[in-house]
């Protein structure tokens, strides 16, 4: 009888070890990072924009954080969006850094990973809510509509077709530009020259975009909607969401899409929004769950989310992600500027974790520069080629990743 009791106890302990412990390990954990309004990455650096303390940077996948000089350079900094164009980091503030009362907004630029900042807001008006880089073009969504700059923010011009509507998020598919406003989604088929209403909101809210293949998602207080035909038709794609799970932020990862909500934590879909599941294990306090409109990011094999309780993270490898029918490893490959005289930034996207090699070759096939060799996570990647000492001529940027090769001609013109 005693032996049976001992065996029963041992069996219970084994069950606890094999079942309960893995569940405890598979959850969100709070970090020592600041509350994040938004994220951005350049190479191995992860940046956070905060509500009141400017911009922070981490070089060790979020283990430690260093405050950049932005808050010491400007007053009234309230960063709500970050964007990367080459090695240039742009920060959008909903408050002006020049007016005494902080009215209006500003776009701020750092060309040295946050060590120094400059105000690049000439021609802008209204609080800045979103910034998006598209090759050499930079778009800013403000209270006064959509603005465009193609000179690193030195000058901005208004795309007046939106009639001064506030723009909270921006998406681009080819020459089609989509903007999320409090009225609804507006679409321009000709890169901002003409606009039409693509979807009218049921509730007065902005929204956040995500793009997987040719499927464009919008999340707002109406829920989640998806279009496969450039905004001609929108369908609901929110099965599985709790009531009042207002969508504040998206992050795509291959065929997977994460949605950060107001007060309901984080959800995941692996089938283009046909069904969603919460992934909130350990994500406490959910009551502090207001995640901002750019407040979720996958980087370094981890997913980060920030609510009013702080910055949280967990490995993406422990999540039930879709690994089939992946997007091609290299989604886009651009060089900016091209042609160039001194240096150029190579930008490309990968859909999943992979090993990569980025090199520059001459027209004879000889390698003249090796920019990177090693593992890369899914997402945007930027590398800079400094062509000091290299002769004028045409060169080829070659990227190998996951058995796939992409090539891009780039022209070096020495003055």
Protein backbone atom coordinates (compact mmCIF):
# COMPACT_ATOMS: atom_id res chain seq x y z
CA UNK A 1 0.00 0.00 0.00
CA UNK A 2 2.84 2.35 0.90
CA UNK A 3 4.59 1.49 -2.36
CA UNK A 4 1.42 2.31 -4.35
CA UNK A 5 1.15 5.70 -2.63
CA UNK A 6 4.79 6.46 -3.42
CA UNK A 7 4.29 5.49 -7.05
CA UNK A 8 1.20 7.70 -7.24
CA UNK A 9 3.14 10.63 -5.81
CA UNK A 10 6.01 10.08 -8.24
CA UNK A 11 3.53 9.88 -11.11
CA UNK A 12 1.95 13.17 -10.03
CA UNK A 13 5.33 14.85 -9.80
CA UNK A 14 6.27 13.62 -13.26
CA UNK A 15 2.99 14.99 -14.62
CA UNK A 16 3.67 18.35 -13.00
CA UNK A 17 7.18 18.44 -14.44
CA UNK A 18 6.20 17.48 -17.97
CA UNK A 19 3.04 19.55 -18.28
CA UNK A 20 2.99 22.45 -15.85
CA UNK A 21 6.61 23.57 -16.10
CA UNK A 22 6.67 23.98 -19.92
CA UNK A 23 3.53 26.09 -19.70
CA UNK A 24 5.15 28.30 -17.07
CA UNK A 25 8.20 28.74 -19.29
CA UNK A 26 6.10 29.56 -22.36
CA UNK A 27 4.90 33.05 -21.59
CA UNK A 28 5.57 36.76 -21.72
CA UNK A 29 8.11 38.20 -19.31
CA UNK A 30 8.53 41.84 -18.35
CA UNK A 31 11.86 43.47 -19.20
CA UNK A 32 13.63 46.50 -17.78
CA UNK A 33 12.90 48.40 -20.98
CA UNK A 34 10.87 51.62 -21.11
CA UNK A 35 7.25 51.92 -22.19
CA UNK A 36 7.36 51.89 -25.97
CA UNK A 37 5.10 53.96 -28.18
CA UNK A 38 6.83 52.57 -31.28
CA UNK A 39 9.74 50.45 -32.56
CA UNK A 40 12.29 50.51 -35.41
CA UNK A 41 15.38 48.51 -36.35
CA UNK A 42 18.61 49.26 -38.19
CA UNK A 43 20.82 46.19 -38.60
CA UNK A 44 21.31 44.71 -35.13
CA UNK A 45 19.98 47.80 -33.32
CA UNK A 46 16.48 47.95 -31.86
CA UNK A 47 15.02 51.42 -31.20
CA UNK A 48 12.14 52.44 -28.98
CA UNK A 49 10.25 55.73 -29.11
CA UNK A 50 8.85 56.67 -25.71
CA UNK A 51 6.08 58.97 -24.59
CA UNK A 52 8.25 61.45 -22.69
CA UNK A 53 11.91 60.38 -22.74
CA UNK A 54 12.76 60.43 -26.43
CA UNK A 55 14.34 57.43 -28.13
CA UNK A 56 16.17 54.44 -26.63
CA UNK A 57 18.43 51.91 -28.39
CA UNK A 58 19.42 48.32 -27.61
CA UNK A 59 22.34 46.42 -29.15
CA UNK A 60 21.59 43.13 -27.37
CA UNK A 61 18.04 42.26 -28.45
CA UNK A 62 16.37 44.24 -25.70
CA UNK A 63 18.41 43.03 -22.72
CA UNK A 64 19.71 46.53 -21.98
CA UNK A 65 18.74 49.99 -23.21
CA UNK A 66 20.57 53.30 -23.68
CA UNK A 67 18.78 56.61 -23.94
CA UNK A 68 19.78 58.60 -27.02
CA UNK A 69 20.42 62.34 -27.02
CA UNK A 70 17.03 63.26 -28.44
CA UNK A 71 15.49 64.34 -25.14
CA UNK A 72 18.59 66.39 -24.33
CA UNK A 73 18.48 68.10 -27.74
CA UNK A 74 14.83 69.10 -27.85
CA UNK A 75 12.01 69.90 -25.43
CA UNK A 76 8.38 68.78 -25.78
CA UNK A 77 9.43 65.42 -27.30
CA UNK A 78 6.54 62.94 -27.47
CA UNK A 79 7.55 60.22 -29.91
CA UNK A 80 4.66 58.25 -31.43
CA UNK A 81 6.25 56.82 -34.60
CA UNK A 82 9.67 55.78 -35.92
CA UNK A 83 10.80 55.07 -39.48
CA UNK A 84 14.05 54.01 -41.13
CA UNK A 85 15.35 55.11 -44.52
CA UNK A 86 18.75 53.57 -45.18
CA UNK A 87 20.78 54.24 -42.04
CA UNK A 88 18.69 57.32 -41.26
CA UNK A 89 16.32 57.15 -38.29
CA UNK A 90 13.25 59.39 -38.27
CA UNK A 91 11.18 60.08 -35.16
CA UNK A 92 7.73 61.62 -35.33
CA UNK A 93 6.54 63.74 -32.41
CA UNK A 94 2.93 64.71 -31.86
CA UNK A 95 4.24 67.92 -30.24
CA UNK A 96 6.36 70.61 -31.83
CA UNK A 97 9.92 70.85 -30.55
CA UNK A 98 10.15 74.52 -31.50
CA UNK A 99 6.95 76.15 -30.25
CA UNK A 100 6.84 77.06 -26.57
CA UNK A 101 3.45 75.44 -26.04
CA UNK A 102 4.38 72.29 -27.96
CA UNK A 103 1.50 72.76 -30.40
CA UNK A 104 1.77 71.07 -33.78
CA UNK A 105 4.31 68.31 -34.37
CA UNK A 106 7.79 67.59 -35.64
CA UNK A 107 9.85 65.06 -37.58
CA UNK A 108 13.36 64.57 -36.17
CA UNK A 109 16.29 62.92 -37.95
CA UNK A 110 19.38 61.08 -36.72
CA UNK A 111 22.04 59.89 -39.16
CA UNK A 112 24.25 58.31 -36.46
CA UNK A 113 21.94 55.90 -34.61
CA UNK A 114 20.61 58.49 -32.20
CA UNK A 115 23.83 60.22 -31.14
CA UNK A 116 22.74 63.50 -32.76
CA UNK A 117 19.37 64.81 -33.94
CA UNK A 118 18.08 67.59 -36.18
CA UNK A 119 14.64 69.01 -36.77
CA UNK A 120 13.40 68.26 -40.31
CA UNK A 121 9.90 69.72 -40.19
CA UNK A 122 9.93 72.57 -42.73
CA UNK A 123 6.55 72.61 -44.46
CA UNK A 124 4.83 70.25 -42.01
CA UNK A 125 1.72 71.19 -40.06
CA UNK A 126 -0.24 69.37 -37.38
CA UNK A 127 0.77 66.67 -34.93
CA UNK A 128 2.77 63.84 -36.56
CA UNK A 129 1.17 60.39 -36.12
CA UNK A 130 2.84 58.18 -38.72
CA UNK A 131 5.95 58.09 -40.91
CA UNK A 132 6.64 55.65 -43.76
CA UNK A 133 9.73 55.38 -45.98
CA UNK A 134 9.30 54.09 -49.53
CA UNK A 135 12.65 54.11 -51.31
CA UNK A 136 13.80 57.74 -51.57
CA UNK A 137 10.35 59.02 -50.57
CA UNK A 138 9.30 59.76 -47.01
CA UNK A 139 5.64 60.17 -46.04
CA UNK A 140 4.33 61.75 -42.85
CA UNK A 141 0.74 61.54 -41.65
CA UNK A 142 -0.36 64.48 -39.51
CA UNK A 143 -3.50 66.18 -38.23
CA UNK A 144 -3.39 68.20 -41.44
CA UNK A 145 -3.21 65.31 -43.89
CA UNK A 146 -0.41 63.52 -45.73
CA UNK A 147 2.97 65.09 -46.52
CA UNK A 148 5.80 63.96 -48.81
CA UNK A 149 9.54 64.59 -48.73
CA UNK A 150 12.23 63.18 -51.02
CA UNK A 151 15.21 64.99 -49.47
CA UNK A 152 15.45 63.37 -46.01
CA UNK A 153 12.78 65.65 -44.60
CA UNK A 154 14.47 68.94 -45.46
CA UNK A 155 11.30 70.06 -47.24
CA UNK A 156 7.76 68.70 -47.07
CA UNK A 157 4.89 69.18 -49.50
CA UNK A 158 1.23 68.52 -48.73
CA UNK A 159 -0.75 65.96 -50.73
CA UNK A 160 -3.89 68.04 -50.58
CA UNK A 161 -6.31 65.44 -51.91
CA UNK A 162 -7.09 64.33 -48.36
CA UNK A 163 -8.65 67.72 -47.55
CA UNK A 164 -6.80 68.17 -44.27
CA UNK A 165 -7.95 64.89 -42.76
CA UNK A 166 -5.78 63.46 -39.96
CA UNK A 167 -3.66 60.50 -41.12
CA UNK A 168 -2.84 57.91 -38.46
CA UNK A 169 -1.29 55.17 -40.60
CA UNK A 170 0.08 54.74 -44.13
CA UNK A 171 0.48 51.73 -46.45
CA UNK A 172 1.87 51.51 -50.00
CA UNK A 173 1.35 48.77 -52.59
CA UNK A 174 3.09 49.72 -55.84
CA UNK A 175 1.70 53.12 -56.83
CA UNK A 176 -1.31 52.74 -54.52
CA UNK A 177 -1.21 54.70 -51.26
CA UNK A 178 -3.62 53.94 -48.43
CA UNK A 179 -4.22 56.19 -45.43
CA UNK A 180 -6.14 55.45 -42.25
CA UNK A 181 -8.12 58.45 -41.03
CA UNK A 182 -10.83 58.95 -38.42
CA UNK A 183 -13.37 58.99 -41.27
CA UNK A 184 -12.15 55.85 -42.99
CA UNK A 185 -9.57 54.51 -45.43
CA UNK A 186 -8.61 56.70 -48.38
CA UNK A 187 -6.77 55.34 -51.42
CA UNK A 188 -4.75 57.01 -54.15
CA UNK A 189 -4.02 54.90 -57.28
CA UNK A 190 -1.45 57.38 -58.63
CA UNK A 191 0.93 57.95 -55.72
CA UNK A 192 -0.99 60.75 -54.08
CA UNK A 193 -2.34 62.81 -56.96
CA UNK A 194 -5.97 61.71 -56.64
CA UNK A 195 -7.86 60.23 -53.70
CA UNK A 196 -11.10 58.37 -53.07
CA UNK A 197 -12.79 56.84 -50.03
CA UNK A 198 -12.11 53.09 -49.96
CA UNK A 199 -13.87 52.26 -46.69
CA UNK A 200 -15.95 54.37 -44.31
CA UNK A 201 -15.47 53.66 -40.60
CA UNK A 202 -18.48 52.65 -38.54
CA UNK A 203 -16.88 54.28 -35.52
CA UNK A 204 -14.76 57.41 -35.47
CA UNK A 205 -11.28 55.91 -35.18
CA UNK A 206 -7.97 55.90 -37.03
CA UNK A 207 -6.34 52.54 -37.63
CA UNK A 208 -3.16 50.61 -38.31
CA UNK A 209 -2.13 48.74 -41.49
CA UNK A 210 -0.35 45.45 -42.16
CA UNK A 211 0.58 43.82 -45.46
CA UNK A 212 1.06 40.10 -46.19
CA UNK A 213 1.59 39.28 -49.86
CA UNK A 214 -1.16 41.30 -51.59
CA UNK A 215 -3.48 41.13 -48.57
CA UNK A 216 -3.83 44.49 -46.85
CA UNK A 217 -5.20 44.55 -43.29
CA UNK A 218 -6.65 47.45 -41.36
CA UNK A 219 -7.25 47.31 -37.62
CA UNK A 220 -9.19 49.89 -35.65
CA UNK A 221 -12.19 50.18 -33.33
CA UNK A 222 -14.32 48.52 -36.04
CA UNK A 223 -12.17 45.38 -35.71
CA UNK A 224 -10.01 43.79 -38.43
CA UNK A 225 -10.75 44.09 -42.14
CA UNK A 226 -8.87 42.73 -45.14
CA UNK A 227 -8.74 43.54 -48.84
CA UNK A 228 -7.26 41.48 -51.67
CA UNK A 229 -8.09 43.86 -54.50
CA UNK A 230 -6.42 47.15 -53.61
CA UNK A 231 -9.28 48.41 -51.50
CA UNK A 232 -12.19 47.77 -53.84
CA UNK A 233 -13.73 45.38 -51.32
CA UNK A 234 -13.11 44.97 -47.59
CA UNK A 235 -14.17 41.92 -45.56
CA UNK A 236 -14.09 41.30 -41.82
CA UNK A 237 -11.28 39.04 -40.65
CA UNK A 238 -11.65 38.99 -36.88
CA UNK A 239 -13.10 35.63 -35.85
CA UNK A 240 -11.84 34.82 -32.36
CA UNK A 241 -11.42 38.33 -30.99
CA UNK A 242 -12.96 39.16 -27.65
CA UNK A 243 -15.57 41.91 -27.50
CA UNK A 244 -14.13 45.43 -27.47
CA UNK A 245 -10.72 44.16 -28.59
CA UNK A 246 -9.87 47.43 -30.31
CA UNK A 247 -6.88 46.93 -32.62
CA UNK A 248 -4.06 49.36 -31.97
CA UNK A 249 -1.02 47.77 -33.62
CA UNK A 250 -0.09 45.07 -36.18
CA UNK A 251 3.16 43.20 -36.82
CA UNK A 252 3.50 40.75 -39.71
CA UNK A 253 5.97 37.85 -39.56
CA UNK A 254 5.96 35.73 -42.70
CA UNK A 255 2.40 34.47 -43.10
CA UNK A 256 1.70 35.24 -39.44
CA UNK A 257 0.08 38.42 -38.16
CA UNK A 258 0.15 39.70 -34.59
CA UNK A 259 -2.45 42.17 -33.36
CA UNK A 260 -2.00 44.27 -30.22
CA UNK A 261 -5.24 45.47 -28.69
CA UNK A 262 -6.59 47.89 -26.15
CA UNK A 263 -6.98 46.04 -22.83
CA UNK A 264 -7.13 42.56 -24.43
CA UNK A 265 -3.46 41.84 -24.98
CA UNK A 266 -1.96 40.26 -28.11
CA UNK A 267 -3.62 37.98 -30.67
CA UNK A 268 -2.15 35.83 -33.46
CA UNK A 269 -3.51 34.62 -36.80
CA UNK A 270 -1.73 32.14 -39.06
CA UNK A 271 -4.40 32.05 -41.77
CA UNK A 272 -4.74 35.63 -42.98
CA UNK A 273 -7.22 36.63 -40.32
CA UNK A 274 -9.74 33.82 -40.77
CA UNK A 275 -9.25 32.93 -37.10
CA UNK A 276 -7.37 34.53 -34.21
CA UNK A 277 -6.11 33.22 -30.87
CA UNK A 278 -4.92 35.17 -27.82
CA UNK A 279 -1.28 34.62 -26.84
CA UNK A 280 -1.36 36.36 -23.49
CA UNK A 281 0.26 33.80 -21.19
CA UNK A 282 2.00 35.80 -18.48
CA UNK A 283 1.14 39.11 -20.11
CA UNK A 284 0.14 40.96 -16.94
CA UNK A 285 -1.34 43.23 -15.98
CA UNK A 286 -3.73 42.99 -18.92
CA UNK A 287 -5.66 45.81 -17.23
CA UNK A 288 -2.73 48.02 -18.24
CA UNK A 289 -3.01 46.70 -21.74
CA UNK A 290 -3.35 49.84 -23.82
CA UNK A 291 -0.77 49.07 -26.52
CA UNK A 292 -0.01 52.05 -28.72
CA UNK A 293 -0.54 52.26 -32.49
CA UNK A 294 3.05 51.16 -33.24
CA UNK A 295 3.68 49.24 -30.02
CA UNK A 296 4.56 45.68 -31.15
CA UNK A 297 7.67 44.33 -32.90
CA UNK A 298 9.38 41.06 -33.86
CA UNK A 299 13.16 41.27 -33.66
CA UNK A 300 16.07 38.99 -32.80
CA UNK A 301 13.88 35.91 -32.57
CA UNK A 302 11.63 37.59 -30.00
CA UNK A 303 8.36 39.47 -30.04
CA UNK A 304 8.13 42.70 -28.04
CA UNK A 305 4.97 44.44 -26.87
CA UNK A 306 4.56 47.42 -24.60
CA UNK A 307 1.59 48.31 -22.44
CA UNK A 308 1.16 50.73 -19.58
CA UNK A 309 2.81 48.17 -17.31
CA UNK A 310 6.09 48.33 -19.25
CA UNK A 311 7.94 46.42 -21.99
CA UNK A 312 7.27 42.68 -22.41
CA UNK A 313 8.83 39.97 -24.58
CA UNK A 314 8.77 36.26 -25.41
CA UNK A 315 10.53 34.02 -27.99
CA UNK A 316 8.63 33.62 -31.26
CA UNK A 317 9.86 30.01 -31.47
CA UNK A 318 7.46 28.99 -28.69
CA UNK A 319 4.41 30.29 -30.58
CA UNK A 320 2.27 28.17 -32.95
CA UNK A 321 3.39 29.98 -36.09
CA UNK A 322 2.66 29.09 -39.69
CA UNK A 323 5.76 27.86 -41.52
CA UNK A 324 4.12 26.68 -44.73
CA UNK A 325 3.61 28.66 -47.91
CA UNK A 326 6.14 31.25 -46.81
CA UNK A 327 6.68 34.46 -48.69
CA UNK A 328 9.87 34.44 -50.75
CA UNK A 329 12.85 35.17 -48.56
CA UNK A 330 13.70 38.47 -50.26
CA UNK A 331 10.61 40.63 -50.64
CA UNK A 332 12.23 43.84 -51.81
CA UNK A 333 15.76 44.98 -52.53
CA UNK A 334 16.61 48.65 -53.03
CA UNK A 335 19.63 50.92 -52.85
CA UNK A 336 19.36 54.52 -51.70
CA UNK A 337 20.72 56.70 -53.17
CA UNK A 338 21.38 55.11 -56.56
CA UNK A 339 23.45 56.41 -58.33
CA UNK A 340 25.63 57.55 -55.41
CA UNK A 341 28.94 59.32 -54.84
CA UNK A 342 30.21 58.20 -51.41
CA UNK A 343 27.97 55.64 -49.75
CA UNK A 344 24.65 53.93 -50.34
CA UNK A 345 22.26 52.00 -48.12
CA UNK A 346 21.13 48.52 -49.14
CA UNK A 347 17.63 47.69 -47.89
CA UNK A 348 15.80 44.38 -48.12
CA UNK A 349 13.21 42.33 -46.25
CA UNK A 350 13.18 38.68 -45.23
CA UNK A 351 10.05 36.75 -44.32
CA UNK A 352 11.62 34.38 -41.80
CA UNK A 353 14.78 33.64 -39.83
CA UNK A 354 17.58 32.75 -42.25
CA UNK A 355 21.30 32.84 -42.92
CA UNK A 356 22.30 35.61 -45.29
CA UNK A 357 25.26 37.03 -47.13
CA UNK A 358 25.35 40.56 -48.54
CA UNK A 359 28.20 41.44 -50.89
CA UNK A 360 29.19 43.89 -53.62
CA UNK A 361 30.68 42.58 -56.86
CA UNK A 362 32.08 44.23 -59.96
CA UNK A 363 30.86 43.37 -63.46
CA UNK A 364 33.52 40.64 -63.72
CA UNK A 365 32.01 38.88 -60.72
CA UNK A 366 34.81 39.66 -58.28
CA UNK A 367 33.79 40.60 -54.74
CA UNK A 368 34.87 44.13 -53.79
CA UNK A 369 33.06 44.36 -50.42
CA UNK A 370 31.39 42.00 -47.95
CA UNK A 371 28.70 43.86 -46.00
CA UNK A 372 27.30 41.01 -43.91
CA UNK A 373 27.48 37.28 -43.28
CA UNK A 374 25.41 35.57 -40.61
CA UNK A 375 21.88 34.88 -39.34
CA UNK A 376 19.05 37.37 -39.87
CA UNK A 377 15.58 37.50 -38.40
CA UNK A 378 12.45 38.19 -40.38
CA UNK A 379 11.89 41.85 -41.12
CA UNK A 380 13.57 44.90 -42.58
CA UNK A 381 17.38 45.01 -42.86
CA UNK A 382 19.69 47.86 -43.82
CA UNK A 383 23.41 47.78 -44.60
CA UNK A 384 25.60 50.64 -45.78
CA UNK A 385 28.34 50.36 -48.40
CA UNK A 386 31.04 52.99 -47.99
CA UNK A 387 32.74 53.07 -51.40
CA UNK A 388 35.81 55.04 -50.27
CA UNK A 389 38.76 53.98 -52.44
CA UNK A 390 36.52 52.22 -55.00
CA UNK A 391 36.65 53.28 -58.65
CA UNK A 392 33.70 54.84 -60.48
CA UNK A 393 31.54 52.31 -62.28
CA UNK A 394 28.64 49.88 -62.17
CA UNK A 395 28.52 47.28 -59.38
CA UNK A 396 26.13 44.53 -58.36
CA UNK A 397 24.76 44.07 -54.85
CA UNK A 398 24.24 40.33 -54.32
CA UNK A 399 22.15 38.86 -51.50
CA UNK A 400 22.06 35.13 -50.76
CA UNK A 401 19.45 33.90 -48.28
CA UNK A 402 17.63 30.58 -47.87
CA UNK A 403 18.95 29.25 -51.18
CA UNK A 404 17.70 32.33 -53.04
CA UNK A 405 19.81 35.01 -54.72
CA UNK A 406 18.78 38.60 -55.45
CA UNK A 407 20.90 41.06 -57.43
CA UNK A 408 20.67 44.83 -57.80
CA UNK A 409 22.82 47.05 -60.07
CA UNK A 410 24.18 50.15 -58.32
CA UNK A 411 26.12 52.96 -59.95
CA UNK A 412 29.04 54.70 -58.24
CA UNK A 413 29.80 58.18 -59.60
CA UNK A 414 32.83 59.89 -58.05
CA UNK A 415 32.82 63.68 -58.20
